Amino acid sequence: MKLLDIKKRIGKLLENLLQQNSQSEYFHEFGVSQQWGLWPDRTINPLTRDARRYWSQADEDGIIAKIFDRIPNHSNTFLEFGCGVGLQNNTLALVAKGWTGGWVDGSPLPYNLPARDSKIKFQNSWVTKENVVELLEAGISNSVKQHEQLALLSIDLDGNDFHLLTKILENNIKADVIVLEYNARFPVGSEWVMPYNPSHTWAGDDYFGASLTSFTKLLRQFNYKLVACSVQGSNAFYVSNEHEQYFEDISEDEADHYQPPLYYLIHQWAQKASPRTVLAMLAQP
């Protein structure tokens, strides 16, 4: 057997061992979570019952679908700050349904969007309080028609999210639904906001964003209601009070929605996402 073949086999064995170890850690964390009673009952809220996941980090795009199933006569438009590399985010499932809108991220996409008539307008930009409104307005300029309201605003930028959202709201920019990343380290009732830092880069720790209570308090001032949190304790979902009649069966108690930080639930879902799939979706009329 050639030396190169031996090296390849050893590499494959090591890869399999690492994967098995990762799976063992996953099941260990899952078991501990159940033993400690960390799993809230996800069946009480009809928006989180019967979870679905398509291209989002966890069950976010499934929750989004259920929310918009309740809201009549909304525009099919979105703006997502923190779209990643365009292969896993909160709005790809909407693109698959024919929605249009904008993506903003500090990292470039690994593929080129169609130069003309694309359903998505991508802006490769670092987001700050000084440019967030301009980026939002530019991102939806081709999709949100006059007298229409943005349907979905999603913010997941791992840092200054609270300050950026505040800037947007203070500029009287509205959306039917707002999805944002909250810091689940903090329990319900804790008010904590990361100090604004325009050059902040997430270090993979718990120094980011704001507590769920801080976001809920802010959004309540602008007439939004908390209706759900994602299963991992990553994202919170708020609906404009313009649509409150369609969500009367949803609890208004923040504690009923809070989800602890079960981040280990990030795991392989379906096949690996491909840029070709996204581009094929965009090419369809």
Protein backbone atom coordinates (compact mmCIF):
# COMPACT_ATOMS: atom_id res chain seq x y z
CA MET A 1 0.00 0.00 0.00
CA LYS A 2 1.34 3.41 -0.94
CA LEU A 3 2.24 5.90 1.76
CA LEU A 4 -0.29 8.39 0.38
CA ASP A 5 -3.10 5.83 0.68
CA ILE A 6 -2.10 5.05 4.27
CA LYS A 7 -2.18 8.74 5.17
CA LYS A 8 -5.62 9.10 3.61
CA ARG A 9 -6.96 6.13 5.59
CA ILE A 10 -5.50 7.44 8.84
CA GLY A 11 -7.01 10.85 8.15
CA LYS A 12 -10.42 9.28 7.51
CA LEU A 13 -10.21 7.26 10.73
CA LEU A 14 -9.34 10.38 12.72
CA GLU A 15 -12.20 12.26 11.11
CA ASN A 16 -14.65 9.48 12.06
CA LEU A 17 -13.36 9.42 15.64
CA LEU A 18 -13.78 13.17 16.00
CA GLN A 19 -17.31 12.94 14.61
CA GLN A 20 -18.21 10.14 17.03
CA ASN A 21 -16.78 12.16 19.93
CA SER A 22 -18.83 15.19 18.86
CA GLN A 23 -21.98 13.08 18.72
CA SER A 24 -21.24 11.62 22.17
CA GLU A 25 -20.89 15.13 23.62
CA TYR A 26 -24.15 16.14 21.94
CA PHE A 27 -26.12 13.26 23.48
CA HIS A 28 -24.47 13.87 26.86
CA GLU A 29 -25.56 17.53 26.85
CA PHE A 30 -29.03 16.50 25.72
CA GLY A 31 -29.33 13.99 28.58
CA VAL A 32 -28.11 16.48 31.18
CA SER A 33 -30.57 19.11 29.95
CA GLN A 34 -33.45 16.68 30.37
CA GLN A 35 -32.30 15.51 33.81
CA TRP A 36 -32.01 19.08 35.07
CA GLY A 37 -35.42 20.00 33.71
CA LEU A 38 -33.97 22.69 31.45
CA TRP A 39 -36.38 21.89 28.65
CA PRO A 40 -39.44 24.17 28.72
CA ASP A 41 -42.64 22.71 27.29
CA ARG A 42 -42.56 23.82 23.65
CA THR A 43 -46.05 22.46 22.95
CA ILE A 44 -47.90 25.12 24.99
CA ASN A 45 -47.21 27.90 22.48
CA PRO A 46 -48.81 27.03 19.12
CA LEU A 47 -46.02 28.97 17.37
CA THR A 48 -43.35 26.61 18.72
CA ARG A 49 -45.40 23.41 18.71
CA ASP A 50 -44.64 21.00 15.85
CA ALA A 51 -41.29 22.65 15.11
CA ARG A 52 -40.00 23.06 11.56
CA ARG A 53 -36.54 23.94 10.31
CA TYR A 54 -35.40 24.65 6.77
CA TRP A 55 -32.34 26.92 6.39
CA SER A 56 -32.22 28.62 9.79
CA GLN A 57 -29.91 27.90 12.72
CA ALA A 58 -32.67 26.04 14.54
CA ASP A 59 -36.47 26.40 14.32
CA GLU A 60 -36.48 30.11 13.47
CA ASP A 61 -37.77 29.93 9.89
CA GLY A 62 -40.49 27.50 10.97
CA ILE A 63 -41.69 29.95 13.63
CA ILE A 64 -41.57 32.81 11.11
CA ALA A 65 -43.77 30.80 8.74
CA LYS A 66 -46.37 30.20 11.48
CA ILE A 67 -46.41 33.88 12.44
CA PHE A 68 -47.06 35.06 8.89
CA ASP A 69 -49.73 32.40 8.39
CA ARG A 70 -51.72 34.42 10.95
CA ILE A 71 -51.13 37.90 9.48
CA PRO A 72 -53.27 38.73 6.44
CA ASN A 73 -52.34 41.17 3.70
CA HIS A 74 -48.66 41.55 4.55
CA SER A 75 -45.99 42.38 2.00
CA ASN A 76 -43.62 39.54 1.11
CA THR A 77 -40.53 41.55 2.00
CA PHE A 78 -37.63 41.20 4.43
CA LEU A 79 -34.38 42.77 5.58
CA GLU A 80 -31.86 40.59 7.40
CA PHE A 81 -28.86 42.06 9.21
CA GLY A 82 -26.41 39.22 9.77
CA CYS A 83 -27.30 36.90 6.90
CA GLY A 84 -23.97 35.07 7.21
CA VAL A 85 -22.66 33.61 3.99
CA GLY A 86 -26.17 33.18 2.62
CA LEU A 87 -26.46 29.45 3.23
CA GLN A 88 -28.01 29.39 6.72
CA ASN A 89 -30.17 32.25 7.93
CA ASN A 90 -33.71 33.32 8.81
CA THR A 91 -34.88 34.37 5.36
CA LEU A 92 -33.77 31.73 2.84
CA ALA A 93 -37.04 29.86 3.38
CA LEU A 94 -38.89 33.08 2.50
CA VAL A 95 -36.81 33.44 -0.68
CA ALA A 96 -37.87 29.90 -1.57
CA LYS A 97 -41.48 31.13 -1.34
CA GLY A 98 -40.83 34.05 -3.67
CA TRP A 99 -40.23 36.81 -1.12
CA THR A 100 -37.83 39.65 -1.89
CA GLY A 101 -35.64 41.82 0.27
CA GLY A 102 -32.17 42.66 1.47
CA TRP A 103 -29.25 41.00 3.20
CA VAL A 104 -26.51 42.85 5.07
CA ASP A 105 -23.36 41.26 6.47
CA GLY A 106 -19.74 42.13 7.18
CA SER A 107 -18.59 38.97 5.39
CA PRO A 108 -18.86 38.51 1.62
CA LEU A 109 -21.05 35.83 0.05
CA PRO A 110 -19.25 32.80 -1.42
CA TYR A 111 -21.29 33.19 -4.61
CA ASN A 112 -22.38 36.00 -6.90
CA LEU A 113 -26.02 37.06 -6.89
CA PRO A 114 -27.64 37.82 -10.25
CA ALA A 115 -26.63 41.28 -11.42
CA ARG A 116 -30.18 42.17 -12.44
CA ASP A 117 -33.65 41.44 -11.08
CA SER A 118 -32.38 39.50 -8.08
CA LYS A 119 -34.85 38.74 -5.31
CA ILE A 120 -32.10 39.70 -2.84
CA LYS A 121 -30.07 42.88 -2.62
CA PHE A 122 -26.87 42.09 -0.72
CA GLN A 123 -24.75 44.75 0.97
CA ASN A 124 -21.34 43.70 2.23
CA SER A 125 -20.89 46.23 5.02
CA TRP A 126 -19.93 46.61 8.67
CA VAL A 127 -23.02 47.85 10.48
CA THR A 128 -22.92 50.77 12.93
CA LYS A 129 -25.40 53.25 14.41
CA GLU A 130 -24.20 55.74 11.81
CA ASN A 131 -25.12 53.63 8.76
CA VAL A 132 -27.78 51.14 9.91
CA VAL A 133 -30.76 53.21 8.73
CA GLU A 134 -29.14 53.95 5.37
CA LEU A 135 -28.33 50.25 4.86
CA LEU A 136 -31.88 49.23 5.75
CA GLU A 137 -33.49 51.73 3.42
CA ALA A 138 -31.13 50.78 0.58
CA GLY A 139 -31.76 47.08 1.19
CA ILE A 140 -35.52 47.33 0.79
CA SER A 141 -35.62 50.07 -1.85
CA ASN A 142 -36.34 47.61 -4.67
CA SER A 143 -38.80 45.38 -2.81
CA VAL A 144 -41.01 47.42 -0.46
CA LYS A 145 -43.46 49.39 -2.58
CA GLN A 146 -44.90 52.78 -1.72
CA HIS A 147 -47.48 52.58 1.09
CA GLU A 148 -46.30 49.05 1.95
CA GLN A 149 -44.70 48.08 5.24
CA LEU A 150 -41.65 45.86 5.63
CA ALA A 151 -42.89 42.44 6.70
CA LEU A 152 -39.82 41.01 8.46
CA LEU A 153 -36.79 42.65 10.06
CA SER A 154 -34.17 40.22 11.38
CA ILE A 155 -31.09 41.30 13.37
CA ASP A 156 -28.29 38.96 14.44
CA LEU A 157 -24.97 40.79 14.51
CA ASP A 158 -23.43 39.32 17.70
CA GLY A 159 -22.89 42.57 19.52
CA ASN A 160 -24.48 45.99 19.07
CA ASP A 161 -27.93 44.65 18.16
CA PHE A 162 -29.80 46.57 20.88
CA HIS A 163 -28.28 49.91 19.88
CA LEU A 164 -28.88 49.29 16.16
CA LEU A 165 -32.49 48.29 16.76
CA THR A 166 -33.02 51.41 18.89
CA LYS A 167 -31.70 53.58 16.06
CA ILE A 168 -34.06 51.92 13.58
CA LEU A 169 -37.11 52.30 15.82
CA GLU A 170 -36.31 55.91 16.65
CA ASN A 171 -36.31 56.64 12.92
CA ASN A 172 -39.91 55.43 12.76
CA ILE A 173 -39.06 52.41 10.61
CA LYS A 174 -41.63 49.68 11.18
CA ALA A 175 -41.97 46.01 10.37
CA ASP A 176 -44.80 43.57 10.97
CA VAL A 177 -42.40 41.15 12.66
CA ILE A 178 -39.00 41.66 14.26
CA VAL A 179 -36.64 38.76 14.97
CA LEU A 180 -33.51 39.36 16.98
CA GLU A 181 -30.79 37.51 18.84
CA TYR A 182 -30.99 37.84 22.62
CA ASN A 183 -28.43 36.90 25.26
CA ALA A 184 -29.99 33.92 27.06
CA ARG A 185 -27.30 33.95 29.73
CA PHE A 186 -29.49 36.48 31.55
CA PRO A 187 -32.69 35.28 33.24
CA VAL A 188 -36.09 36.90 32.82
CA GLY A 189 -36.16 40.16 34.77
CA SER A 190 -32.49 40.98 34.14
CA GLU A 191 -31.87 44.20 32.27
CA TRP A 192 -28.45 44.14 30.61
CA VAL A 193 -27.19 45.73 27.39
CA MET A 194 -23.68 45.45 26.00
CA PRO A 195 -22.13 48.95 25.84
CA TYR A 196 -21.98 50.26 22.30
CA ASN A 197 -18.71 49.60 20.51
CA PRO A 198 -18.68 50.23 16.74
CA SER A 199 -15.65 47.96 16.26
CA HIS A 200 -16.93 45.08 18.41
CA THR A 201 -16.21 41.57 17.13
CA TRP A 202 -17.79 38.62 18.87
CA ALA A 203 -15.18 36.47 20.64
CA GLY A 204 -17.38 33.39 20.96
CA ASP A 205 -18.27 34.19 24.59
CA ASP A 206 -21.30 35.66 26.37
CA TYR A 207 -20.35 39.30 25.81
CA PHE A 208 -22.89 40.30 23.17
CA GLY A 209 -26.30 41.82 22.61
CA ALA A 210 -28.80 42.30 25.40
CA SER A 211 -31.04 40.31 27.70
CA LEU A 212 -34.51 39.24 26.61
CA THR A 213 -36.05 41.56 29.21
CA SER A 214 -34.14 44.56 27.86
CA PHE A 215 -35.27 43.87 24.30
CA THR A 216 -38.86 43.26 25.38
CA LYS A 217 -38.95 46.50 27.38
CA LEU A 218 -37.57 48.46 24.40
CA LEU A 219 -39.96 46.94 21.88
CA ARG A 220 -42.96 47.36 24.15
CA GLN A 221 -42.33 51.12 23.98
CA PHE A 222 -42.71 50.87 20.20
CA ASN A 223 -45.82 48.68 20.33
CA TYR A 224 -44.44 45.21 19.76
CA LYS A 225 -45.39 42.01 21.58
CA LEU A 226 -43.09 39.06 22.35
CA VAL A 227 -44.69 35.90 20.91
CA ALA A 228 -41.94 33.24 20.89
CA CYS A 229 -38.28 32.30 21.34
CA SER A 230 -36.31 29.76 19.33
CA VAL A 231 -35.54 26.35 20.80
CA GLN A 232 -31.83 27.11 21.30
CA GLY A 233 -32.47 30.31 23.24
CA SER A 234 -30.95 32.30 20.39
CA ASN A 235 -33.71 34.36 18.79
CA ALA A 236 -36.83 36.17 20.02
CA PHE A 237 -39.87 36.99 17.88
CA TYR A 238 -41.92 40.16 18.22
CA VAL A 239 -45.12 41.09 16.39
CA SER A 240 -46.47 44.62 15.88
CA ASN A 241 -49.52 45.43 17.97
CA GLU A 242 -51.21 46.28 14.67
CA HIS A 243 -51.78 42.52 14.45
CA GLU A 244 -52.46 41.75 18.10
CA GLN A 245 -55.94 40.41 17.34
CA TYR A 246 -54.32 37.47 15.53
CA PHE A 247 -52.19 36.53 18.53
CA GLU A 248 -54.64 36.74 21.42
CA ASP A 249 -54.00 33.06 22.24
CA ILE A 250 -50.29 33.76 22.80
CA SER A 251 -49.14 34.48 26.35
CA GLU A 252 -47.94 37.98 27.17
CA ASP A 253 -45.75 36.68 30.01
CA GLU A 254 -42.07 36.90 29.05
CA ALA A 255 -41.27 33.94 31.31
CA ASP A 256 -43.54 31.72 29.21
CA HIS A 257 -41.39 32.39 26.15
CA TYR A 258 -37.85 32.56 27.53
CA GLN A 259 -35.68 29.67 26.33
CA PRO A 260 -32.35 28.92 28.05
CA PRO A 261 -29.09 28.83 26.05
CA LEU A 262 -29.16 25.31 24.60
CA TYR A 263 -26.63 26.17 21.92
CA TYR A 264 -25.38 22.60 21.63
CA LEU A 265 -28.52 21.88 19.61
CA ILE A 266 -26.66 23.24 16.56
CA HIS A 267 -26.18 20.06 14.58
CA GLN A 268 -26.12 18.85 11.00
CA TRP A 269 -29.52 19.35 9.41
CA ALA A 270 -30.33 17.67 6.11
CA GLN A 271 -27.64 17.80 3.45
CA LYS A 272 -24.94 20.45 3.31
CA ALA A 273 -26.36 23.71 1.96
CA SER A 274 -25.14 24.52 -1.53
CA PRO A 275 -24.73 27.91 -3.24
CA ARG A 276 -26.10 26.27 -6.38
CA THR A 277 -29.42 25.64 -4.63
CA VAL A 278 -29.71 29.30 -3.61
CA LEU A 279 -28.83 30.52 -7.10
CA ALA A 280 -31.35 28.12 -8.64
CA MET A 281 -34.06 29.52 -6.33
CA LEU A 282 -33.18 33.06 -7.37
CA ALA A 283 -33.34 32.13 -11.04
CA GLN A 284 -36.94 30.94 -10.77
CA PRO A 285 -39.64 33.49 -11.62
